[in-house]
Amino acid sequence: MGICLHRIKDIRLLYGEDPFDTTEIDFASPRIKPKPHGHAIAARITSEDPNE
């Protein structure tokens, strides 16, 4: 479910790949080791049924 990481433009740029290509990226042994710049915060927002 969701979008594959190798199809996300910013992930492709981080790994030195063409941002508009759809080929898979070998994240275990990438051609270029990513050099992140900055920080990120991730959150998961879910909804629950209050009647359960």
Foldseek 3Di string as FASTA:
>chain_A
DDDDLQQQQVSCVQLVHDSHDRDDAPPVDGPDDGDDDDDDDDDDDDDDDPVD
